[in-house]
């Protein structure tokens, strides 16, 4: 997946089960590997009760499934409640 890092800023982040997570604020780069390690996501969805009190989270780049008009990450039941379509 190749894209300009600055293109990611301001993009909406959703899980693959249609749960809105938040908006990309920044990217954390690993200068040794020349790759993105994490995306800093802010403006978190207030319905994510497991994340109450957090102003932002770091999303590991390895769990990103796709980047297009939005960013889709892998859904983790332990972190995100199921709010989207039934399994």
PDB file of N, CA and C in Angstrom:
ATOM      1  N   UNK A   1       0.850  -1.157   0.000  1.00  0.00           N
ATOM      2  CA  UNK A   1       0.000   0.000   0.000  1.00  0.00           C
ATOM      3  C   UNK A   1       0.905   1.233   0.000  1.00  0.00           C
ATOM      4  N   UNK A   2       0.817   2.050  -1.022  1.00  0.00           N
ATOM      5  CA  UNK A   2       1.610   3.274  -1.096  1.00  0.00           C
ATOM      6  C   UNK A   2       0.684   4.469  -1.156  1.00  0.00           C
ATOM      7  N   UNK A   3       0.998   5.460  -0.323  1.00  0.00           N
ATOM      8  CA  UNK A   3       0.249   6.711  -0.303  1.00  0.00           C
ATOM      9  C   UNK A   3       1.109   7.756   0.384  1.00  0.00           C
ATOM     10  N   UNK A   4       0.826   9.014   0.160  1.00  0.00           N
ATOM     11  CA  UNK A   4       1.528  10.078   0.861  1.00  0.00           C
ATOM     12  C   UNK A   4       1.030  10.107   2.301  1.00  0.00           C
ATOM     13  N   UNK A   5       1.949  10.230   3.236  1.00  0.00           N
ATOM     14  CA  UNK A   5       1.560  10.253   4.650  1.00  0.00           C
ATOM     15  C   UNK A   5       0.585  11.384   4.926  1.00  0.00           C
ATOM     16  N   UNK A   6       0.826  12.536   4.337  1.00  0.00           N
ATOM     17  CA  UNK A   6      -0.048  13.686   4.607  1.00  0.00           C
ATOM     18  C   UNK A   6      -1.462  13.451   4.095  1.00  0.00           C
ATOM     19  N   UNK A   7      -1.644  12.544   3.134  1.00  0.00           N
ATOM     20  CA  UNK A   7      -2.990  12.217   2.654  1.00  0.00           C
ATOM     21  C   UNK A   7      -3.817  11.509   3.723  1.00  0.00           C
ATOM     22  N   UNK A   8      -3.136  10.897   4.689  1.00  0.00           N
ATOM     23  CA  UNK A   8      -3.841  10.167   5.745  1.00  0.00           C
ATOM     24  C   UNK A   8      -4.435  11.089   6.805  1.00  0.00           C
ATOM     25  N   UNK A   9      -3.842  12.261   6.987  1.00  0.00           N
ATOM     26  CA  UNK A   9      -4.297  13.183   8.028  1.00  0.00           C
ATOM     27  C   UNK A   9      -5.729  13.628   7.746  1.00  0.00           C
ATOM     28  N   UNK A  10      -6.567  13.543   8.788  1.00  0.00           N
ATOM     29  CA  UNK A  10      -7.959  13.956   8.652  1.00  0.00           C
ATOM     30  C   UNK A  10      -8.882  12.874   8.127  1.00  0.00           C
ATOM     31  N   UNK A  11      -8.339  11.702   7.787  1.00  0.00           N
ATOM     32  CA  UNK A  11      -9.186  10.620   7.275  1.00  0.00           C
ATOM     33  C   UNK A  11      -9.931   9.943   8.416  1.00  0.00           C
ATOM     34  N   UNK A  12     -11.156   9.524   8.136  1.00  0.00           N
ATOM     35  CA  UNK A  12     -11.973   8.776   9.088  1.00  0.00           C
ATOM     36  C   UNK A  12     -11.427   7.353   9.189  1.00  0.00           C
ATOM     37  N   UNK A  13     -11.472   6.790  10.403  1.00  0.00           N
ATOM     38  CA  UNK A  13     -11.037   5.419  10.643  1.00  0.00           C
ATOM     39  C   UNK A  13     -12.235   4.614  11.128  1.00  0.00           C
ATOM     40  N   UNK A  14     -12.493   3.485  10.461  1.00  0.00           N
ATOM     41  CA  UNK A  14     -13.580   2.571  10.811  1.00  0.00           C
ATOM     42  C   UNK A  14     -13.015   1.169  10.944  1.00  0.00           C
ATOM     43  N   UNK A  15     -13.692   0.334  11.750  1.00  0.00           N
ATOM     44  CA  UNK A  15     -13.321  -1.078  11.782  1.00  0.00           C
ATOM     45  C   UNK A  15     -14.005  -1.774  10.621  1.00  0.00           C
ATOM     46  N   UNK A  16     -13.598  -3.007  10.363  1.00  0.00           N
ATOM     47  CA  UNK A  16     -14.220  -3.766   9.274  1.00  0.00           C
ATOM     48  C   UNK A  16     -15.625  -4.258   9.640  1.00  0.00           C
ATOM     49  N   UNK A  17     -16.099  -3.886  10.844  1.00  0.00           N
ATOM     50  CA  UNK A  17     -17.493  -4.161  11.234  1.00  0.00           C
ATOM     51  C   UNK A  17     -18.285  -2.862  11.330  1.00  0.00           C
ATOM     52  N   UNK A  18     -17.827  -1.849  10.621  1.00  0.00           N
ATOM     53  CA  UNK A  18     -18.537  -0.570  10.483  1.00  0.00           C
ATOM     54  C   UNK A  18     -18.628   0.257  11.756  1.00  0.00           C
ATOM     55  N   UNK A  19     -17.668   0.123  12.654  1.00  0.00           N
ATOM     56  CA  UNK A  19     -17.637   0.935  13.863  1.00  0.00           C
ATOM     57  C   UNK A  19     -16.671   2.092  13.625  1.00  0.00           C
ATOM     58  N   UNK A  20     -17.189   3.329  13.749  1.00  0.00           N
ATOM     59  CA  UNK A  20     -16.328   4.506  13.581  1.00  0.00           C
ATOM     60  C   UNK A  20     -15.409   4.611  14.786  1.00  0.00           C
ATOM     61  N   UNK A  21     -14.105   4.765  14.519  1.00  0.00           N
ATOM     62  CA  UNK A  21     -13.123   4.874  15.590  1.00  0.00           C
ATOM     63  C   UNK A  21     -12.766   6.327  15.834  1.00  0.00           C
ATOM     64  N   UNK A  22     -12.401   7.066  14.788  1.00  0.00           N
ATOM     65  CA  UNK A  22     -12.014   8.459  14.941  1.00  0.00           C
ATOM     66  C   UNK A  22     -11.383   8.998  13.669  1.00  0.00           C
ATOM     67  N   UNK A  23     -10.536  10.012  13.840  1.00  0.00           N
ATOM     68  CA  UNK A  23      -9.905  10.700  12.708  1.00  0.00           C
ATOM     69  C   UNK A  23      -8.387  10.691  12.903  1.00  0.00           C
ATOM     70  N   UNK A  24      -7.653  10.445  11.827  1.00  0.00           N
ATOM     71  CA  UNK A  24      -6.190  10.409  11.881  1.00  0.00           C
ATOM     72  C   UNK A  24      -5.652  11.808  12.151  1.00  0.00           C
ATOM     73  N   UNK A  25      -4.855  11.912  13.219  1.00  0.00           N
ATOM     74  CA  UNK A  25      -4.204  13.168  13.582  1.00  0.00           C
ATOM     75  C   UNK A  25      -2.747  13.212  13.140  1.00  0.00           C
ATOM     76  N   UNK A  26      -2.083  12.058  13.191  1.00  0.00           N
ATOM     77  CA  UNK A  26      -0.644  12.039  12.940  1.00  0.00           C
ATOM     78  C   UNK A  26      -0.209  10.617  12.599  1.00  0.00           C
ATOM     79  N   UNK A  27       1.023  10.493  12.139  1.00  0.00           N
ATOM     80  CA  UNK A  27       1.625   9.195  11.860  1.00  0.00           C
ATOM     81  C   UNK A  27       2.948   9.108  12.603  1.00  0.00           C
ATOM     82  N   UNK A  28       3.220   7.932  13.175  1.00  0.00           N
ATOM     83  CA  UNK A  28       4.478   7.693  13.878  1.00  0.00           C
ATOM     84  C   UNK A  28       5.344   6.846  12.959  1.00  0.00           C
ATOM     85  N   UNK A  29       6.494   7.402  12.597  1.00  0.00           N
ATOM     86  CA  UNK A  29       7.383   6.739  11.647  1.00  0.00           C
ATOM     87  C   UNK A  29       8.536   6.052  12.358  1.00  0.00           C
ATOM     88  N   UNK A  30       8.978   4.923  11.799  1.00  0.00           N
ATOM     89  CA  UNK A  30      10.187   4.256  12.249  1.00  0.00           C
ATOM     90  C   UNK A  30      11.270   4.623  11.239  1.00  0.00           C
ATOM     91  N   UNK A  31      12.204   5.459  11.652  1.00  0.00           N
ATOM     92  CA  UNK A  31      13.212   5.953  10.708  1.00  0.00           C
ATOM     93  C   UNK A  31      14.189   4.860  10.288  1.00  0.00           C
ATOM     94  N   UNK A  32      14.359   3.839  11.124  1.00  0.00           N
ATOM     95  CA  UNK A  32      15.265   2.745  10.760  1.00  0.00           C
ATOM     96  C   UNK A  32      14.703   1.900   9.624  1.00  0.00           C
ATOM     97  N   UNK A  33      13.407   1.575   9.711  1.00  0.00           N
ATOM     98  CA  UNK A  33      12.786   0.736   8.679  1.00  0.00           C
ATOM     99  C   UNK A  33      12.148   1.563   7.566  1.00  0.00           C
ATOM    100  N   UNK A  34      12.050   2.866   7.787  1.00  0.00           N
ATOM    101  CA  UNK A  34      11.428   3.787   6.825  1.00  0.00           C
ATOM    102  C   UNK A  34       9.978   3.417   6.540  1.00  0.00           C
ATOM    103  N   UNK A  35       9.272   3.029   7.615  1.00  0.00           N
ATOM    104  CA  UNK A  35       7.867   2.649   7.500  1.00  0.00           C
ATOM    105  C   UNK A  35       7.063   3.325   8.604  1.00  0.00           C
ATOM    106  N   UNK A  36       5.743   3.376   8.396  1.00  0.00           N
ATOM    107  CA  UNK A  36       4.829   3.898   9.406  1.00  0.00           C
ATOM    108  C   UNK A  36       4.585   2.796  10.433  1.00  0.00           C
ATOM    109  N   UNK A  37       4.774   3.112  11.722  1.00  0.00           N
ATOM    110  CA  UNK A  37       4.503   2.148  12.789  1.00  0.00           C
ATOM    111  C   UNK A  37       3.066   2.259  13.292  1.00  0.00           C
ATOM    112  N   UNK A  38       2.619   3.491  13.537  1.00  0.00           N
ATOM    113  CA  UNK A  38       1.302   3.729  14.109  1.00  0.00           C
ATOM    114  C   UNK A  38       0.651   4.935  13.459  1.00  0.00           C
ATOM    115  N   UNK A  39      -0.674   4.966  13.505  1.00  0.00           N
ATOM    116  CA  UNK A  39      -1.423   6.176  13.217  1.00  0.00           C
ATOM    117  C   UNK A  39      -1.989   6.674  14.537  1.00  0.00           C
ATOM    118  N   UNK A  40      -1.838   7.960  14.796  1.00  0.00           N
ATOM    119  CA  UNK A  40      -2.433   8.579  15.974  1.00  0.00           C
ATOM    120  C   UNK A  40      -3.845   9.005  15.592  1.00  0.00           C
ATOM    121  N   UNK A  41      -4.829   8.451  16.281  1.00  0.00           N
ATOM    122  CA  UNK A  41      -6.233   8.700  15.960  1.00  0.00           C
ATOM    123  C   UNK A  41      -6.874   9.465  17.112  1.00  0.00           C
ATOM    124  N   UNK A  42      -7.481  10.602  16.792  1.00  0.00           N
ATOM    125  CA  UNK A  42      -8.167  11.436  17.764  1.00  0.00           C
ATOM    126  C   UNK A  42      -9.631  11.570  17.415  1.00  0.00           C
ATOM    127  N   UNK A  43     -10.301  12.506  18.074  1.00  0.00           N
ATOM    128  CA  UNK A  43     -11.750  12.700  17.897  1.00  0.00           C
ATOM    129  C   UNK A  43     -12.457  11.353  17.940  1.00  0.00           C
ATOM    130  N   UNK A  44     -12.170  10.610  19.002  1.00  0.00           N
ATOM    131  CA  UNK A  44     -12.668   9.245  19.131  1.00  0.00           C
ATOM    132  C   UNK A  44     -14.185   9.193  19.242  1.00  0.00           C
ATOM    133  N   UNK A  45     -14.736   8.119  18.745  1.00  0.00           N
ATOM    134  CA  UNK A  45     -16.162   7.841  18.832  1.00  0.00           C
ATOM    135  C   UNK A  45     -16.539   7.734  20.318  1.00  0.00           C
ATOM    136  N   UNK A  46     -17.431   8.599  20.792  1.00  0.00           N
ATOM    137  CA  UNK A  46     -17.796   8.570  22.216  1.00  0.00           C
ATOM    138  C   UNK A  46     -18.549   7.301  22.618  1.00  0.00           C
ATOM    139  N   UNK A  47     -19.058   6.539  21.662  1.00  0.00           N
ATOM    140  CA  UNK A  47     -19.778   5.304  21.962  1.00  0.00           C
ATOM    141  C   UNK A  47     -18.852   4.132  22.264  1.00  0.00           C
ATOM    142  N   UNK A  48     -17.555   4.321  22.073  1.00  0.00           N
ATOM    143  CA  UNK A  48     -16.609   3.245  22.368  1.00  0.00           C
ATOM    144  C   UNK A  48     -16.314   3.266  23.861  1.00  0.00           C
ATOM    145  N   UNK A  49     -17.158   2.567  24.616  1.00  0.00           N
ATOM    146  CA  UNK A  49     -17.083   2.657  26.068  1.00  0.00           C
ATOM    147  C   UNK A  49     -15.754   2.165  26.621  1.00  0.00           C
ATOM    148  N   UNK A  50     -15.049   1.300  25.922  1.00  0.00           N
ATOM    149  CA  UNK A  50     -13.752   0.831  26.390  1.00  0.00           C
ATOM    150  C   UNK A  50     -12.698   1.934  26.314  1.00  0.00           C
ATOM    151  N   UNK A  51     -12.969   3.001  25.576  1.00  0.00           N
ATOM    152  CA  UNK A  51     -11.989   4.060  25.377  1.00  0.00           C
ATOM    153  C   UNK A  51     -12.352   5.346  26.096  1.00  0.00           C
ATOM    154  N   UNK A  52     -13.337   5.320  26.990  1.00  0.00           N
ATOM    155  CA  UNK A  52     -13.747   6.535  27.712  1.00  0.00           C
ATOM    156  C   UNK A  52     -12.554   7.127  28.451  1.00  0.00           C
ATOM    157  N   UNK A  53     -12.417   8.433  28.373  1.00  0.00           N
ATOM    158  CA  UNK A  53     -11.326   9.126  29.050  1.00  0.00           C
ATOM    159  C   UNK A  53     -10.080   9.292  28.203  1.00  0.00           C
ATOM    160  N   UNK A  54     -10.012   8.596  27.074  1.00  0.00           N
ATOM    161  CA  UNK A  54      -8.866   8.723  26.182  1.00  0.00           C
ATOM    162  C   UNK A  54      -9.107   9.864  25.204  1.00  0.00           C
ATOM    163  N   UNK A  55      -8.073  10.633  24.915  1.00  0.00           N
ATOM    164  CA  UNK A  55      -8.174  11.689  23.900  1.00  0.00           C
ATOM    165  C   UNK A  55      -7.766  11.164  22.538  1.00  0.00           C
ATOM    166  N   UNK A  56      -7.051  10.055  22.523  1.00  0.00           N
ATOM    167  CA  UNK A  56      -6.602   9.468  21.276  1.00  0.00           C
ATOM    168  C   UNK A  56      -6.026   8.089  21.521  1.00  0.00           C
ATOM    169  N   UNK A  57      -5.826   7.371  20.428  1.00  0.00           N
ATOM    170  CA  UNK A  57      -5.213   6.050  20.505  1.00  0.00           C
ATOM    171  C   UNK A  57      -4.191   5.912  19.392  1.00  0.00           C
ATOM    172  N   UNK A  58      -3.290   4.960  19.570  1.00  0.00           N
ATOM    173  CA  UNK A  58      -2.340   4.613  18.520  1.00  0.00           C
ATOM    174  C   UNK A  58      -2.838   3.350  17.848  1.00  0.00           C
ATOM    175  N   UNK A  59      -3.020   3.410  16.551  1.00  0.00           N
ATOM    176  CA  UNK A  59      -3.468   2.251  15.786  1.00  0.00           C
ATOM    177  C   UNK A  59      -2.252   1.678  15.064  1.00  0.00           C
ATOM    178  N   UNK A  60      -1.858   0.435  15.387  1.00  0.00           N
ATOM    179  CA  UNK A  60      -0.711  -0.159  14.692  1.00  0.00           C
ATOM    180  C   UNK A  60      -0.983  -0.262  13.200  1.00  0.00           C
ATOM    181  N   UNK A  61      -0.012   0.112  12.408  1.00  0.00           N
ATOM    182  CA  UNK A  61      -0.194   0.121  10.959  1.00  0.00           C
ATOM    183  C   UNK A  61      -0.471  -1.287  10.428  1.00  0.00           C
ATOM    184  N   UNK A  62      -0.006  -2.317  11.134  1.00  0.00           N
ATOM    185  CA  UNK A  62      -0.187  -3.695  10.665  1.00  0.00           C
ATOM    186  C   UNK A  62      -1.647  -4.150  10.690  1.00  0.00           C
ATOM    187  N   UNK A  63      -2.530  -3.454  11.445  1.00  0.00           N
ATOM    188  CA  UNK A  63      -3.937  -3.871  11.473  1.00  0.00           C
ATOM    189  C   UNK A  63      -4.791  -3.106  10.463  1.00  0.00           C
ATOM    190  N   UNK A  64      -4.164  -2.242   9.689  1.00  0.00           N
ATOM    191  CA  UNK A  64      -4.908  -1.523   8.650  1.00  0.00           C
ATOM    192  C   UNK A  64      -5.177  -2.480   7.494  1.00  0.00           C
ATOM    193  N   UNK A  65      -6.445  -2.589   7.135  1.00  0.00           N
ATOM    194  CA  UNK A  65      -6.838  -3.481   6.047  1.00  0.00           C
ATOM    195  C   UNK A  65      -6.869  -2.771   4.708  1.00  0.00           C
ATOM    196  N   UNK A  66      -7.325  -1.506   4.702  1.00  0.00           N
ATOM    197  CA  UNK A  66      -7.365  -0.769   3.433  1.00  0.00           C
ATOM    198  C   UNK A  66      -7.395   0.732   3.686  1.00  0.00           C
ATOM    199  N   UNK A  67      -6.914   1.448   2.683  1.00  0.00           N
ATOM    200  CA  UNK A  67      -6.927   2.906   2.694  1.00  0.00           C
ATOM    201  C   UNK A  67      -7.540   3.355   1.387  1.00  0.00           C
ATOM    202  N   UNK A  68      -8.574   4.152   1.473  1.00  0.00           N
ATOM    203  CA  UNK A  68      -9.244   4.699   0.294  1.00  0.00           C
ATOM    204  C   UNK A  68      -9.817   6.042   0.671  1.00  0.00           C
ATOM    205  N   UNK A  69     -11.135   6.175   0.585  1.00  0.00           N
ATOM    206  CA  UNK A  69     -11.798   7.384   1.059  1.00  0.00           C
ATOM    207  C   UNK A  69     -11.788   7.424   2.582  1.00  0.00           C
ATOM    208  N   UNK A  70     -11.744   6.232   3.196  1.00  0.00           N
ATOM    209  CA  UNK A  70     -11.612   6.078   4.635  1.00  0.00           C
ATOM    210  C   UNK A  70     -10.541   5.021   4.884  1.00  0.00           C
ATOM    211  N   UNK A  71     -10.156   4.890   6.158  1.00  0.00           N
ATOM    212  CA  UNK A  71      -9.212   3.841   6.544  1.00  0.00           C
ATOM    213  C   UNK A  71      -9.999   2.772   7.284  1.00  0.00           C
ATOM    214  N   UNK A  72      -9.805   1.521   6.894  1.00  0.00           N
ATOM    215  CA  UNK A  72     -10.478   0.401   7.537  1.00  0.00           C
ATOM    216  C   UNK A  72      -9.435  -0.428   8.269  1.00  0.00           C
ATOM    217  N   UNK A  73      -9.719  -0.658   9.570  1.00  0.00           N
ATOM    218  CA  UNK A  73      -8.819  -1.468  10.381  1.00  0.00           C
ATOM    219  C   UNK A  73      -9.532  -2.742  10.818  1.00  0.00           C
ATOM    220  N   UNK A  74      -8.750  -3.704  11.270  1.00  0.00           N
ATOM    221  CA  UNK A  74      -9.301  -4.950  11.767  1.00  0.00           C
ATOM    222  C   UNK A  74     -10.065  -4.683  13.061  1.00  0.00           C
ATOM    223  N   UNK A  75     -11.206  -5.316  13.215  1.00  0.00           N
ATOM    224  CA  UNK A  75     -12.068  -5.153  14.393  1.00  0.00           C
ATOM    225  C   UNK A  75     -11.625  -6.104  15.497  1.00  0.00           C
ATOM    226  N   UNK A  76     -11.476  -5.579  16.709  1.00  0.00           N
ATOM    227  CA  UNK A  76     -11.154  -6.395  17.872  1.00  0.00           C
ATOM    228  C   UNK A  76     -12.301  -6.270  18.859  1.00  0.00           C
ATOM    229  N   UNK A  77     -12.992  -7.378  19.116  1.00  0.00           N
ATOM    230  CA  UNK A  77     -14.142  -7.336  20.029  1.00  0.00           C
ATOM    231  C   UNK A  77     -13.755  -6.840  21.408  1.00  0.00           C
ATOM    232  N   UNK A  78     -12.528  -7.112  21.835  1.00  0.00           N
ATOM    233  CA  UNK A  78     -12.114  -6.683  23.168  1.00  0.00           C
ATOM    234  C   UNK A  78     -11.958  -5.168  23.262  1.00  0.00           C
ATOM    235  N   UNK A  79     -11.792  -4.509  22.130  1.00  0.00           N
ATOM    236  CA  UNK A  79     -11.589  -3.067  22.141  1.00  0.00           C
ATOM    237  C   UNK A  79     -12.814  -2.305  21.661  1.00  0.00           C
ATOM    238  N   UNK A  80     -13.496  -2.836  20.666  1.00  0.00           N
ATOM    239  CA  UNK A  80     -14.623  -2.144  20.052  1.00  0.00           C
ATOM    240  C   UNK A  80     -15.887  -2.974  20.184  1.00  0.00           C
ATOM    241  N   UNK A  81     -16.977  -2.370  20.641  1.00  0.00           N
ATOM    242  CA  UNK A  81     -18.240  -3.108  20.698  1.00  0.00           C
ATOM    243  C   UNK A  81     -18.766  -3.349  19.288  1.00  0.00           C
ATOM    244  N   UNK A  82     -19.530  -4.389  19.124  1.00  0.00           N
ATOM    245  CA  UNK A  82     -20.144  -4.644  17.820  1.00  0.00           C
ATOM    246  C   UNK A  82     -21.340  -3.733  17.653  1.00  0.00           C
ATOM    247  N   UNK A  83     -21.237  -2.785  16.730  1.00  0.00           N
ATOM    248  CA  UNK A  83     -22.327  -1.856  16.465  1.00  0.00           C
ATOM    249  C   UNK A  83     -22.790  -1.968  15.017  1.00  0.00           C
ATOM    250  N   UNK A  84     -22.020  -2.681  14.238  1.00  0.00           N
ATOM    251  CA  UNK A  84     -22.303  -2.761  12.816  1.00  0.00           C
ATOM    252  C   UNK A  84     -23.185  -3.950  12.516  1.00  0.00           C
ATOM    253  N   UNK A  85     -23.137  -4.420  11.252  1.00  0.00           N
ATOM    254  CA  UNK A  85     -23.947  -5.563  10.841  1.00  0.00           C
ATOM    255  C   UNK A  85     -23.618  -6.787  11.675  1.00  0.00           C
ATOM    256  N   UNK A  86     -24.587  -7.655  11.849  1.00  0.00           N
ATOM    257  CA  UNK A  86     -24.395  -8.883  12.625  1.00  0.00           C
ATOM    258  C   UNK A  86     -23.404  -9.770  11.910  1.00  0.00           C
ATOM    259  N   UNK A  87     -22.681 -10.603  12.700  1.00  0.00           N
ATOM    260  CA  UNK A  87     -21.696 -11.537  12.135  1.00  0.00           C
ATOM    261  C   UNK A  87     -22.342 -12.610  11.313  1.00  0.00           C
TER     262      UNK A  87
END
